Amino acid sequence: MKTAAAYLRVSTEAQDEYSLDSQLKLIRDYAAKNDMLVPDEFVFVDDGISGRSAKKRRDFQRMIGMAKDKNRPFEAILVWKFSRFARNQEESIVYKSMLARSGVDVISISEPLAEGPFGSLIERILEWMDEFYSIRLSGEVKRGMSEKISRGEIVTPPAFGYDLDKAARRYIPNDDAATVRQIYADYLAGKGMLTIAQELGAAGVRTRRGSLPDNRFVKYILQNPVYIGKLRWSHGGKANYSRSAAIPESAYLVDGHHEPLIDATTWHAVQDKLTRLARGRRPYQRDSQRVEWMLKGLVRCSACGSTLVRLSSACPSMQCHKFSKGQCATSHSLSIAKANRLVISYLQDCAASMSFPIAPHAVPRPAAGPDYPRLIAVERGKLRRIQEAYEAEVYTLEDYAARRKEISARICELEQQRDAASEKAQAAALDPAAFRSRVLSVLDVLKDPDQTEAAKSAALRSIVSYIVYDKASSRLILYFFN
């Protein structure tokens, strides 16, 4: 009896399709008739997600990852229709080929295919039709939304400061409207976006997603024409949320039916100020190559716990990335050269005193060897499946008992090997003398002028979990792996 997985998906598209429960019932009926088992742990569901791209489908990616594993737990993937697997022919071919190399078939229970080249041809045609349907439907939706917005009707969720009156299908001001007016007034009074964001956060203001306001949040509000009674829409069919300009060339404005929060004079004064500042600012250019530095991604802010990021300047330094957005009230600016010297000095002190602070909840570095948790999970999965097979009267009681005894013995053996390996690794990890030797080896790399920053970072990460920059005492605290 084969073990199979079931992949279920319903999209956000306006289309008639079976519900998730209906798809699963049909798949289980098919499996029962074709000598297959579909255990509950191998039922993968993406609810309300389009099939045009696999990137956003988390359960799909989890299913593919399990299928590619060396000890793949299932031999087939059952779908109601191939369109549930993908609506992009290129992605469909790539993933099906990948699964085929792992010995996993993708089977559509409602679209049986003949064996041989003719069946493959029909499958390609079905994939192309699924993609064409999706593209055509998308175009119809965009045209419909563009037509609605041309009449001043809303097609997007309300912006900050508004709620949606569902009966009247229009935006209505809410309690945050006063905050929007204050943002415009503060900006014209000379306050910067970062300062405004920090003051909003301190006053308890939160975005619609419950996050602290940042400078981008403030800039978007200052550039959004919804606050003067307009609706902005791009010709491509999406609401344009560009933060580089209030009304890009690709968008157009129409008069809405909602109440403005800002008068036209204030709006144009703000746009003039934004334009003047943009002209005097050098355009941002992303580095063509990634910048590597020894402490990259390791140092955390003592106030909010966020990572310190590198600032491009004549004297390279790092700063809490949330502070730069207005979401952290405490500056943690620190010279990278000074931080490097402090880390090396701290490691030398730790090696001399044989004291190595262990990071809370840190786990031991995984040693080379079998992945015992995964191997044990696979065997326990086998136990569940033979139980299901016995209940379905596929196994006799004698066969079931013998198979269960064999798998249970294997689990016991793996657990004993796991415990022995864990005790050995723990003993080695907690040996101060052995850990001191590792620290000294890392120090040799850090102090070697011929080593690259990437090599130094990799060496440091082999022993250090993270580093906290304590602003109050101006010191760095290193936490090691146990």
Protein backbone atom coordinates (compact mmCIF):
# COMPACT_ATOMS: atom_id res chain seq x y z
CA MET A 1 0.00 0.00 0.00
CA LYS A 2 1.35 3.39 -1.03
CA THR A 3 1.52 6.37 1.29
CA ALA A 4 0.33 9.56 -0.40
CA ALA A 5 0.08 13.24 0.49
CA ALA A 6 -2.93 15.43 -0.25
CA TYR A 7 -2.51 19.04 -1.39
CA LEU A 8 -5.58 21.27 -1.06
CA ARG A 9 -5.89 24.88 -2.17
CA VAL A 10 -8.60 27.45 -2.67
CA SER A 11 -7.58 30.82 -4.07
CA THR A 12 -8.72 34.38 -3.63
CA GLU A 13 -9.91 34.44 -7.23
CA ALA A 14 -13.64 34.76 -7.97
CA GLN A 15 -14.16 31.27 -9.30
CA ASP A 16 -16.26 28.20 -8.63
CA GLU A 17 -14.17 25.56 -6.94
CA TYR A 18 -14.64 22.79 -4.43
CA SER A 19 -14.15 23.72 -0.78
CA LEU A 20 -11.16 22.33 1.12
CA ASP A 21 -13.34 19.73 2.86
CA SER A 22 -14.83 18.63 -0.46
CA GLN A 23 -11.40 18.30 -2.06
CA LEU A 24 -10.11 16.21 0.85
CA LYS A 25 -13.17 13.91 0.77
CA LEU A 26 -12.73 13.28 -2.96
CA ILE A 27 -8.99 12.66 -2.51
CA ARG A 28 -9.54 10.18 0.33
CA ASP A 29 -12.20 8.34 -1.73
CA TYR A 30 -9.74 8.10 -4.64
CA ALA A 31 -6.97 6.87 -2.32
CA ALA A 32 -9.16 4.17 -0.82
CA LYS A 33 -10.06 2.87 -4.28
CA ASN A 34 -6.43 2.87 -5.45
CA ASP A 35 -4.76 1.15 -2.48
CA MET A 36 -3.30 4.36 -0.98
CA LEU A 37 -3.19 5.83 2.52
CA VAL A 38 -3.37 9.60 3.16
CA PRO A 39 -2.35 10.17 6.81
CA ASP A 40 -3.52 13.39 8.46
CA GLU A 41 0.05 14.62 8.90
CA PHE A 42 0.48 14.58 5.11
CA VAL A 43 -2.53 16.77 4.31
CA PHE A 44 -1.17 20.15 3.15
CA VAL A 45 -3.49 23.15 2.86
CA ASP A 46 -3.07 26.67 1.42
CA ASP A 47 -6.28 28.56 2.04
CA GLY A 48 -7.05 31.77 0.15
CA ILE A 49 -3.77 31.84 -1.81
CA SER A 50 -3.43 32.13 -5.58
CA GLY A 51 -1.65 29.38 -7.49
CA ARG A 52 0.18 31.81 -9.81
CA SER A 53 3.31 31.65 -7.65
CA ALA A 54 4.64 29.05 -5.22
CA LYS A 55 6.63 31.51 -3.10
CA LYS A 56 3.73 32.55 -0.87
CA ARG A 57 2.29 29.05 -0.46
CA ARG A 58 3.88 27.89 2.79
CA ASP A 59 2.32 24.45 3.01
CA PHE A 60 3.19 23.82 -0.64
CA GLN A 61 6.85 24.60 0.08
CA ARG A 62 6.76 22.43 3.21
CA MET A 63 5.32 19.55 1.17
CA ILE A 64 8.00 19.92 -1.52
CA GLY A 65 10.72 19.97 1.13
CA MET A 66 9.47 16.73 2.67
CA ALA A 67 9.19 15.08 -0.75
CA LYS A 68 12.80 16.01 -1.59
CA ASP A 69 14.10 14.55 1.68
CA LYS A 70 16.30 11.49 1.36
CA ASN A 71 13.80 9.49 3.45
CA ARG A 72 10.71 10.84 1.72
CA PRO A 73 7.62 9.90 3.75
CA PHE A 74 5.20 9.61 0.81
CA GLU A 75 5.31 8.37 -2.78
CA ALA A 76 2.61 10.46 -4.43
CA ILE A 77 0.86 13.82 -4.13
CA LEU A 78 -2.90 13.77 -4.81
CA VAL A 79 -4.70 16.93 -5.95
CA TRP A 80 -8.31 17.51 -6.99
CA LYS A 81 -7.15 19.15 -10.22
CA PHE A 82 -3.74 20.12 -11.58
CA SER A 83 -4.83 23.76 -11.21
CA ARG A 84 -4.69 23.24 -7.40
CA PHE A 85 -1.00 22.29 -7.73
CA ALA A 86 -0.11 25.36 -9.85
CA ARG A 87 -1.58 27.89 -12.28
CA ASN A 88 1.81 28.74 -13.72
CA GLN A 89 2.95 26.25 -16.36
CA GLU A 90 6.65 27.00 -15.91
CA GLU A 91 6.51 26.43 -12.14
CA SER A 92 4.33 23.37 -12.58
CA ILE A 93 6.86 21.73 -14.91
CA VAL A 94 9.80 22.62 -12.64
CA TYR A 95 8.22 21.22 -9.46
CA LYS A 96 6.82 18.11 -11.13
CA SER A 97 10.24 17.34 -12.64
CA MET A 98 11.86 17.87 -9.26
CA LEU A 99 9.39 15.52 -7.60
CA ALA A 100 9.77 12.92 -10.34
CA ARG A 101 13.52 12.77 -9.67
CA SER A 102 12.67 12.05 -6.03
CA GLY A 103 10.25 9.29 -7.04
CA VAL A 104 7.08 11.24 -6.16
CA ASP A 105 4.17 11.42 -8.63
CA VAL A 106 1.66 14.26 -8.85
CA ILE A 107 -1.79 12.79 -9.55
CA SER A 108 -4.95 14.71 -10.43
CA ILE A 109 -7.87 12.61 -9.23
CA SER A 110 -10.35 14.27 -11.61
CA GLU A 111 -8.11 14.47 -14.69
CA PRO A 112 -6.87 10.94 -15.46
CA LEU A 113 -4.02 10.80 -17.96
CA ALA A 114 -3.05 8.05 -20.35
CA GLU A 115 0.37 6.45 -20.09
CA GLY A 116 3.10 7.51 -22.50
CA PRO A 117 3.80 10.64 -24.58
CA PHE A 118 0.13 11.33 -25.31
CA GLY A 119 -0.60 11.61 -21.60
CA SER A 120 2.30 14.05 -21.16
CA LEU A 121 0.95 16.15 -24.04
CA ILE A 122 -2.51 16.31 -22.45
CA GLU A 123 -0.93 17.29 -19.11
CA ARG A 124 0.96 20.19 -20.75
CA ILE A 125 -2.26 21.35 -22.42
CA LEU A 126 -4.11 21.28 -19.08
CA GLU A 127 -1.32 23.30 -17.45
CA TRP A 128 -1.42 25.88 -20.23
CA MET A 129 -5.22 26.17 -19.96
CA ASP A 130 -4.97 26.66 -16.18
CA GLU A 131 -2.44 29.47 -16.61
CA PHE A 132 -4.46 31.09 -19.41
CA TYR A 133 -7.60 31.01 -17.23
CA SER A 134 -5.74 32.68 -14.38
CA ILE A 135 -4.28 35.41 -16.61
CA ARG A 136 -7.66 36.07 -18.27
CA LEU A 137 -9.44 36.22 -14.91
CA SER A 138 -6.81 38.62 -13.54
CA GLY A 139 -7.32 40.93 -16.51
CA GLU A 140 -11.08 40.93 -16.03
CA VAL A 141 -10.72 41.76 -12.34
CA LYS A 142 -8.33 44.64 -13.08
CA ARG A 143 -10.64 46.09 -15.72
CA GLY A 144 -13.57 45.89 -13.33
CA MET A 145 -11.64 47.60 -10.53
CA SER A 146 -10.38 50.34 -12.87
CA GLU A 147 -13.94 50.99 -14.02
CA LYS A 148 -15.17 51.26 -10.42
CA ILE A 149 -12.46 53.67 -9.35
CA SER A 150 -13.03 55.86 -12.42
CA ARG A 151 -16.49 56.51 -10.93
CA GLY A 152 -14.99 57.38 -7.54
CA GLU A 153 -15.93 54.04 -5.97
CA ILE A 154 -13.49 52.45 -3.51
CA VAL A 155 -11.66 49.22 -4.27
CA THR A 156 -8.99 49.17 -1.54
CA PRO A 157 -9.03 48.96 2.28
CA PRO A 158 -9.25 52.34 4.07
CA ALA A 159 -6.07 54.29 4.80
CA PHE A 160 -4.96 55.24 8.32
CA GLY A 161 -7.48 57.75 9.68
CA TYR A 162 -10.49 56.21 7.93
CA ASP A 163 -12.89 53.32 8.45
CA LEU A 164 -15.08 51.68 5.82
CA ASP A 165 -18.82 52.31 5.81
CA LYS A 166 -19.89 49.04 4.19
CA ALA A 167 -23.47 50.13 3.60
CA ALA A 168 -22.52 53.36 1.81
CA ARG A 169 -19.29 51.89 0.34
CA ARG A 170 -17.23 54.92 1.30
CA TYR A 171 -14.51 55.91 3.74
CA ILE A 172 -15.50 57.69 6.96
CA PRO A 173 -13.07 59.46 9.37
CA ASN A 174 -12.28 57.69 12.64
CA ASP A 175 -10.41 58.66 15.83
CA ASP A 176 -7.05 58.53 14.00
CA ALA A 177 -8.11 61.43 11.74
CA ALA A 178 -6.80 63.89 14.36
CA THR A 179 -3.40 62.13 14.24
CA VAL A 180 -3.25 62.55 10.46
CA ARG A 181 -3.94 66.30 10.77
CA GLN A 182 -1.28 66.58 13.50
CA ILE A 183 1.32 64.85 11.27
CA TYR A 184 0.76 67.41 8.51
CA ALA A 185 0.92 70.31 11.00
CA ASP A 186 4.11 69.03 12.67
CA TYR A 187 5.84 68.49 9.34
CA LEU A 188 5.07 72.02 8.16
CA ALA A 189 6.23 73.33 11.55
CA GLY A 190 9.69 71.92 10.85
CA LYS A 191 9.71 68.51 12.54
CA GLY A 192 11.42 65.68 10.68
CA MET A 193 9.70 62.41 9.82
CA LEU A 194 11.86 60.45 12.28
CA THR A 195 10.97 62.81 15.13
CA ILE A 196 7.27 62.67 14.26
CA ALA A 197 7.35 58.85 14.19
CA GLN A 198 9.06 58.69 17.58
CA GLU A 199 6.52 61.07 19.13
CA LEU A 200 3.64 59.06 17.69
CA GLY A 201 5.04 55.85 19.13
CA ALA A 202 5.56 57.46 22.55
CA ALA A 203 1.94 58.70 22.47
CA GLY A 204 0.68 55.14 21.91
CA VAL A 205 -0.21 55.47 18.23
CA ARG A 206 -0.01 52.22 16.26
CA THR A 207 -0.41 51.38 12.59
CA ARG A 208 -3.35 49.30 11.34
CA ARG A 209 -1.19 46.20 11.78
CA GLY A 210 -0.39 47.12 15.38
CA SER A 211 3.23 48.12 14.69
CA LEU A 212 5.06 51.18 15.93
CA PRO A 213 5.02 54.06 13.41
CA ASP A 214 8.25 54.62 11.51
CA ASN A 215 9.51 57.31 9.14
CA ARG A 216 8.11 55.47 6.12
CA PHE A 217 4.67 55.40 7.72
CA VAL A 218 4.84 59.18 8.19
CA LYS A 219 6.06 59.78 4.64
CA TYR A 220 3.30 57.66 3.16
CA ILE A 221 0.65 59.63 5.03
CA LEU A 222 2.21 62.91 3.85
CA GLN A 223 2.09 61.71 0.22
CA ASN A 224 -1.31 60.01 0.16
CA PRO A 225 -3.88 62.11 -1.77
CA VAL A 226 -6.74 60.22 -0.09
CA TYR A 227 -6.52 62.84 2.66
CA ILE A 228 -7.67 65.61 0.26
CA GLY A 229 -10.61 63.56 -0.98
CA LYS A 230 -8.87 61.88 -3.94
CA LEU A 231 -8.43 58.24 -4.95
CA ARG A 232 -5.14 57.19 -6.55
CA TRP A 233 -4.92 54.27 -8.96
CA SER A 234 -2.27 52.93 -11.28
CA HIS A 235 -2.94 52.06 -14.92
CA GLY A 236 -1.74 48.54 -14.16
CA GLY A 237 -4.73 47.96 -11.92
CA LYS A 238 -3.18 48.22 -8.47
CA ALA A 239 -3.35 50.97 -5.90
CA ASN A 240 -0.02 52.78 -6.21
CA TYR A 241 1.83 52.86 -2.91
CA SER A 242 5.06 54.37 -4.20
CA ARG A 243 6.97 56.21 -1.50
CA SER A 244 9.19 58.12 -3.94
CA ALA A 245 6.43 60.42 -5.20
CA ALA A 246 2.87 61.29 -4.16
CA ILE A 247 1.42 60.86 -7.65
CA PRO A 248 3.77 58.92 -10.00
CA GLU A 249 3.34 59.18 -13.75
CA SER A 250 1.91 55.65 -13.86
CA ALA A 251 -1.05 56.66 -11.68
CA TYR A 252 -4.09 58.89 -12.04
CA LEU A 253 -6.39 60.63 -9.55
CA VAL A 254 -10.16 60.73 -9.35
CA ASP A 255 -12.46 62.52 -6.93
CA GLY A 256 -13.70 60.25 -4.17
CA HIS A 257 -16.97 60.42 -2.26
CA HIS A 258 -15.34 60.60 1.18
CA GLU A 259 -14.65 63.52 3.51
CA PRO A 260 -11.14 65.06 3.17
CA LEU A 261 -9.02 65.33 6.31
CA ILE A 262 -6.58 67.93 4.91
CA ASP A 263 -7.31 71.11 2.96
CA ALA A 264 -5.73 71.64 -0.46
CA THR A 265 -3.48 74.50 0.73
CA THR A 266 -1.87 72.37 3.44
CA TRP A 267 -1.50 69.44 1.04
CA HIS A 268 0.31 71.47 -1.63
CA ALA A 269 2.57 73.13 0.97
CA VAL A 270 3.65 69.69 2.19
CA GLN A 271 4.23 68.40 -1.34
CA ASP A 272 6.35 71.48 -2.18
CA LYS A 273 8.49 70.89 0.92
CA LEU A 274 8.94 67.19 0.10
CA THR A 275 9.95 68.08 -3.46
CA ARG A 276 12.52 70.67 -2.29
CA LEU A 277 14.10 68.23 0.13
CA ALA A 278 14.18 65.46 -2.48
CA ARG A 279 16.02 67.72 -4.95
CA GLY A 280 18.73 68.50 -2.40
CA ARG A 281 19.27 64.89 -1.40
CA ARG A 282 21.71 62.64 -3.21
CA PRO A 283 19.85 59.69 -4.79
CA TYR A 284 20.23 56.46 -2.87
CA GLN A 285 22.30 53.86 -4.68
CA ARG A 286 22.47 50.31 -3.47
CA ASP A 287 25.96 48.83 -3.36
CA SER A 288 26.51 46.49 -6.28
CA GLN A 289 28.30 44.07 -3.93
CA ARG A 290 27.35 42.96 -0.43
CA VAL A 291 29.45 44.57 2.28
CA GLU A 292 30.90 42.03 4.69
CA TRP A 293 32.02 42.97 8.20
CA MET A 294 33.06 40.95 11.19
CA LEU A 295 30.08 41.73 13.45
CA LYS A 296 27.41 41.64 10.75
CA GLY A 297 24.08 40.47 12.18
CA LEU A 298 25.50 39.68 15.62
CA VAL A 299 25.13 42.89 17.65
CA ARG A 300 21.77 43.72 19.25
CA CYS A 301 20.31 46.89 20.75
CA SER A 302 20.04 46.78 24.56
CA ALA A 303 16.85 48.88 24.45
CA CYS A 304 14.68 46.99 21.94
CA GLY A 305 16.67 43.87 21.03
CA SER A 306 16.88 44.70 17.33
CA THR A 307 19.99 44.12 15.23
CA LEU A 308 22.49 46.92 14.69
CA VAL A 309 23.05 47.57 10.98
CA ARG A 310 25.97 49.17 9.17
CA LEU A 311 25.77 52.84 8.24
CA SER A 312 27.58 54.02 5.11
CA SER A 313 29.87 56.89 6.10
CA ALA A 314 33.48 58.02 6.01
CA CYS A 315 33.90 56.36 9.41
CA PRO A 316 31.89 53.12 9.21
CA SER A 317 29.56 52.67 12.16
CA MET A 318 26.44 50.72 13.13
CA GLN A 319 23.08 51.76 14.50
CA CYS A 320 19.88 50.08 15.72
CA HIS A 321 17.81 49.65 12.58
CA LYS A 322 14.57 50.40 14.47
CA PHE A 323 16.02 53.68 15.76
CA SER A 324 16.72 54.78 12.20
CA LYS A 325 13.01 54.20 11.45
CA GLY A 326 11.74 55.91 14.58
CA GLN A 327 10.65 52.68 16.30
CA CYS A 328 13.33 52.75 19.03
CA ALA A 329 13.85 55.75 21.30
CA THR A 330 17.53 55.11 22.15
CA SER A 331 20.39 55.68 19.72
CA HIS A 332 22.97 52.89 19.68
CA SER A 333 25.48 54.38 17.26
CA LEU A 334 28.87 52.68 17.55
CA SER A 335 32.05 52.80 15.47
CA ILE A 336 32.67 49.44 13.81
CA ALA A 337 36.44 49.71 14.34
CA LYS A 338 35.91 50.36 18.07
CA ALA A 339 33.42 47.47 18.30
CA ASN A 340 35.92 45.09 16.67
CA ARG A 341 38.59 46.05 19.21
CA LEU A 342 36.15 45.60 22.12
CA VAL A 343 35.13 42.13 20.92
CA ILE A 344 38.71 40.92 20.58
CA SER A 345 39.55 42.33 24.04
CA TYR A 346 36.46 40.65 25.56
CA LEU A 347 37.36 37.28 24.04
CA GLN A 348 40.89 37.56 25.45
CA ASP A 349 39.49 38.30 28.92
CA CYS A 350 37.11 35.33 28.69
CA ALA A 351 39.90 32.99 27.66
CA ALA A 352 42.12 34.23 30.52
CA SER A 353 39.38 33.89 33.18
CA MET A 354 37.86 30.68 31.72
CA SER A 355 34.43 32.39 31.96
CA PHE A 356 32.06 32.04 29.01
CA PRO A 357 28.52 33.48 29.45
CA ILE A 358 26.08 31.09 27.77
CA ALA A 359 23.19 32.59 25.78
CA PRO A 360 19.78 31.93 27.39
CA HIS A 361 17.97 29.05 25.67
CA ALA A 362 20.92 28.50 23.33
CA VAL A 363 21.23 24.96 22.02
CA PRO A 364 24.49 23.08 21.49
CA ARG A 365 26.09 23.45 18.10
CA PRO A 366 24.98 20.45 16.03
CA ALA A 367 27.77 17.98 15.53
CA ALA A 368 28.30 16.03 12.35
CA GLY A 369 26.30 12.84 12.45
CA PRO A 370 22.81 11.39 12.01
CA ASP A 371 19.78 13.64 12.44
CA TYR A 372 18.21 11.55 15.20
CA PRO A 373 15.02 13.63 15.75
CA ARG A 374 14.14 13.34 12.06
CA LEU A 375 14.94 9.61 11.91
CA ILE A 376 12.81 8.94 15.00
CA ALA A 377 9.95 11.02 13.59
CA VAL A 378 10.03 8.96 10.38
CA GLU A 379 9.77 5.69 12.34
CA ARG A 380 6.91 7.03 14.47
CA GLY A 381 5.16 8.04 11.26
CA LYS A 382 5.47 4.43 10.12
CA LEU A 383 3.81 3.32 13.35
CA ARG A 384 0.83 5.58 12.71
CA ARG A 385 0.50 4.36 9.15
CA ILE A 386 0.54 0.66 10.00
CA GLN A 387 -2.09 1.40 12.67
CA GLU A 388 -4.27 3.00 9.97
CA ALA A 389 -3.60 0.06 7.66
CA TYR A 390 -4.63 -2.40 10.39
CA GLU A 391 -7.82 -0.45 11.10
CA ALA A 392 -8.56 -0.49 7.35
CA GLU A 393 -8.12 -4.30 7.50
CA VAL A 394 -5.12 -4.21 5.18
CA TYR A 395 -2.92 -5.97 7.80
CA THR A 396 -3.87 -9.03 9.80
CA LEU A 397 -3.37 -8.85 13.58
CA GLU A 398 -0.25 -11.05 13.33
CA ASP A 399 1.30 -8.94 10.56
CA TYR A 400 0.47 -5.74 12.42
CA ALA A 401 2.00 -7.02 15.70
CA ALA A 402 5.20 -8.18 13.99
CA ARG A 403 5.62 -4.94 12.07
CA ARG A 404 4.90 -2.84 15.16
CA LYS A 405 7.50 -4.77 17.20
CA GLU A 406 10.12 -4.26 14.48
CA ILE A 407 9.53 -0.48 14.22
CA SER A 408 9.35 -0.02 18.01
CA ALA A 409 12.72 -1.73 18.40
CA ARG A 410 14.19 0.60 15.77
CA ILE A 411 12.84 3.65 17.61
CA CYS A 412 14.31 2.42 20.91
CA GLU A 413 17.70 1.89 19.24
CA LEU A 414 17.67 5.39 17.70
CA GLU A 415 16.69 6.98 21.03
CA GLN A 416 19.59 5.26 22.78
CA GLN A 417 22.02 6.43 20.08
CA ARG A 418 20.58 9.97 20.33
CA ASP A 419 21.00 10.10 24.11
CA ALA A 420 24.55 8.79 23.95
CA ALA A 421 25.52 11.33 21.28
CA SER A 422 23.85 14.15 23.24
CA GLU A 423 25.73 13.28 26.44
CA LYS A 424 29.00 13.17 24.55
CA ALA A 425 28.37 16.51 22.84
CA GLN A 426 27.22 18.13 26.08
CA ALA A 427 30.30 16.96 27.93
CA ALA A 428 32.56 18.34 25.22
CA ALA A 429 30.62 21.62 24.99
CA LEU A 430 30.74 22.28 28.74
CA ASP A 431 34.46 21.53 29.09
CA PRO A 432 35.97 25.00 29.80
CA ALA A 433 39.43 23.93 28.66
CA ALA A 434 38.13 22.64 25.34
CA PHE A 435 36.00 25.75 24.81
CA ARG A 436 38.97 27.98 25.66
CA SER A 437 40.91 26.25 22.92
CA ARG A 438 38.13 27.06 20.44
CA VAL A 439 38.09 30.70 21.55
CA LEU A 440 41.86 31.00 21.08
CA SER A 441 41.56 29.54 17.58
CA VAL A 442 38.90 32.11 16.72
CA LEU A 443 41.06 34.91 18.13
CA ASP A 444 43.89 33.86 15.79
CA VAL A 445 41.52 34.38 12.85
CA LEU A 446 40.17 37.71 14.11
CA LYS A 447 43.63 39.19 14.66
CA ASP A 448 45.04 37.98 11.33
CA PRO A 449 45.18 40.99 8.93
CA ASP A 450 45.19 38.65 5.92
CA GLN A 451 41.80 37.14 6.78
CA THR A 452 38.70 38.55 5.05
CA GLU A 453 35.82 40.09 7.00
CA ALA A 454 33.61 37.23 5.88
CA ALA A 455 36.08 34.67 7.27
CA LYS A 456 36.29 36.55 10.58
CA SER A 457 32.49 36.71 10.81
CA ALA A 458 32.18 32.96 10.18
CA ALA A 459 34.81 32.20 12.82
CA LEU A 460 33.08 34.40 15.40
CA ARG A 461 29.68 32.86 14.67
CA SER A 462 31.10 29.40 15.42
CA ILE A 463 31.29 30.28 19.15
CA VAL A 464 29.12 33.39 19.68
CA SER A 465 25.31 33.30 19.70
CA TYR A 466 24.82 37.08 19.82
CA ILE A 467 26.30 40.29 21.25
CA VAL A 468 24.44 42.98 23.22
CA TYR A 469 25.58 46.60 23.03
CA ASP A 470 24.77 48.05 26.46
CA LYS A 471 24.46 51.77 25.70
CA ALA A 472 24.33 52.83 29.35
CA SER A 473 27.73 51.30 30.19
CA SER A 474 29.17 51.62 26.66
CA ARG A 475 30.23 47.98 26.58
CA LEU A 476 29.63 44.88 24.50
CA ILE A 477 28.47 41.65 26.14
CA LEU A 478 29.10 38.41 24.26
CA TYR A 479 26.89 35.35 24.75
CA PHE A 480 28.32 32.01 23.67
CA PHE A 481 26.81 28.75 22.44
CA ASN A 482 26.81 26.00 25.04
